Amino acid sequence: MGFWGLIGMEESHEESKNGEFYSNSTAYFEFLRQKGETDYEFEDEYYFTMPAISSS
């Protein structure tokens, strides 16, 4: 496999991890909503991280 194949695999892995982070975060927020609780520290980190993930 050449260099560009490795780059493609790396991007695919990043997209997979980004999707996993988004899915896990969404599930966590839903869990908190159902319990009537908040996690402002995580929420701050989430909204700080998402623009970086979305632009990749």
C-alpha atoms as a PDB file:
ATOM      1  CA  MET A   1       0.000   0.000   0.000  1.00  0.00           C
ATOM      2  CA  GLY A   2       1.349   3.411  -0.931  1.00  0.00           C
ATOM      3  CA  PHE A   3       1.454   6.671   0.943  1.00  0.00           C
ATOM      4  CA  TRP A   4      -1.945   7.866  -0.320  1.00  0.00           C
ATOM      5  CA  GLY A   5      -3.542   4.604   0.722  1.00  0.00           C
ATOM      6  CA  LEU A   6      -2.247   5.130   4.249  1.00  0.00           C
ATOM      7  CA  ILE A   7      -3.548   8.703   4.257  1.00  0.00           C
ATOM      8  CA  GLY A   8      -6.971   7.437   3.183  1.00  0.00           C
ATOM      9  CA  MET A   9      -6.968   4.846   5.954  1.00  0.00           C
ATOM     10  CA  GLU A  10      -5.991   7.475   8.526  1.00  0.00           C
ATOM     11  CA  GLU A  11      -8.804   9.789   7.414  1.00  0.00           C
ATOM     12  CA  SER A  12     -11.270   6.908   7.503  1.00  0.00           C
ATOM     13  CA  HIS A  13     -10.140   6.005  11.031  1.00  0.00           C
ATOM     14  CA  GLU A  14     -10.498   9.642  12.144  1.00  0.00           C
ATOM     15  CA  GLU A  15     -13.976   9.867  10.629  1.00  0.00           C
ATOM     16  CA  SER A  16     -14.914   6.657  12.427  1.00  0.00           C
ATOM     17  CA  LYS A  17     -13.610   7.975  15.757  1.00  0.00           C
ATOM     18  CA  ASN A  18     -15.349  11.329  15.207  1.00  0.00           C
ATOM     19  CA  GLY A  19     -18.615   9.543  14.475  1.00  0.00           C
ATOM     20  CA  GLU A  20     -18.143   7.412  17.570  1.00  0.00           C
ATOM     21  CA  PHE A  21     -17.527  10.512  19.708  1.00  0.00           C
ATOM     22  CA  TYR A  22     -20.642  12.194  18.304  1.00  0.00           C
ATOM     23  CA  SER A  23     -22.803   9.092  18.854  1.00  0.00           C
ATOM     24  CA  ASN A  24     -21.518   8.558  22.394  1.00  0.00           C
ATOM     25  CA  SER A  25     -21.988  12.226  23.252  1.00  0.00           C
ATOM     26  CA  THR A  26     -25.534  12.224  21.896  1.00  0.00           C
ATOM     27  CA  ALA A  27     -26.375   9.123  23.936  1.00  0.00           C
ATOM     28  CA  TYR A  28     -24.852  10.700  27.058  1.00  0.00           C
ATOM     29  CA  PHE A  29     -26.841  13.920  26.598  1.00  0.00           C
ATOM     30  CA  GLU A  30     -30.032  11.891  26.117  1.00  0.00           C
ATOM     31  CA  PHE A  31     -29.260   9.909  29.291  1.00  0.00           C
ATOM     32  CA  LEU A  32     -28.805  13.155  31.221  1.00  0.00           C
ATOM     33  CA  ARG A  33     -32.048  14.604  29.818  1.00  0.00           C
ATOM     34  CA  GLN A  34     -33.980  11.516  30.868  1.00  0.00           C
ATOM     35  CA  LYS A  35     -32.610  11.817  34.411  1.00  0.00           C
ATOM     36  CA  GLY A  36     -33.171  15.582  34.507  1.00  0.00           C
ATOM     37  CA  GLU A  37     -29.470  16.205  35.128  1.00  0.00           C
ATOM     38  CA  THR A  38     -26.753  18.301  33.504  1.00  0.00           C
ATOM     39  CA  ASP A  39     -23.006  18.006  33.038  1.00  0.00           C
ATOM     40  CA  TYR A  40     -21.868  21.518  32.198  1.00  0.00           C
ATOM     41  CA  GLU A  41     -18.176  20.602  32.145  1.00  0.00           C
ATOM     42  CA  PHE A  42     -18.730  17.919  29.513  1.00  0.00           C
ATOM     43  CA  GLU A  43     -21.122  20.165  27.605  1.00  0.00           C
ATOM     44  CA  ASP A  44     -18.461  22.900  27.443  1.00  0.00           C
ATOM     45  CA  GLU A  45     -15.878  20.420  26.163  1.00  0.00           C
ATOM     46  CA  TYR A  46     -18.343  18.989  23.645  1.00  0.00           C
ATOM     47  CA  TYR A  47     -19.218  22.369  22.132  1.00  0.00           C
ATOM     48  CA  PHE A  48     -15.531  23.324  22.092  1.00  0.00           C
ATOM     49  CA  THR A  49     -14.542  20.051  20.367  1.00  0.00           C
ATOM     50  CA  MET A  50     -17.332  19.658  17.804  1.00  0.00           C
ATOM     51  CA  PRO A  51     -16.233  22.480  15.434  1.00  0.00           C
ATOM     52  CA  ALA A  52     -12.773  20.906  15.184  1.00  0.00           C
ATOM     53  CA  ILE A  53     -14.271  17.489  14.494  1.00  0.00           C
ATOM     54  CA  SER A  54     -16.813  18.813  12.008  1.00  0.00           C
ATOM     55  CA  SER A  55     -14.174  20.559   9.910  1.00  0.00           C
ATOM     56  CA  SER A  56     -11.997  17.441   9.513  1.00  0.00           C
END
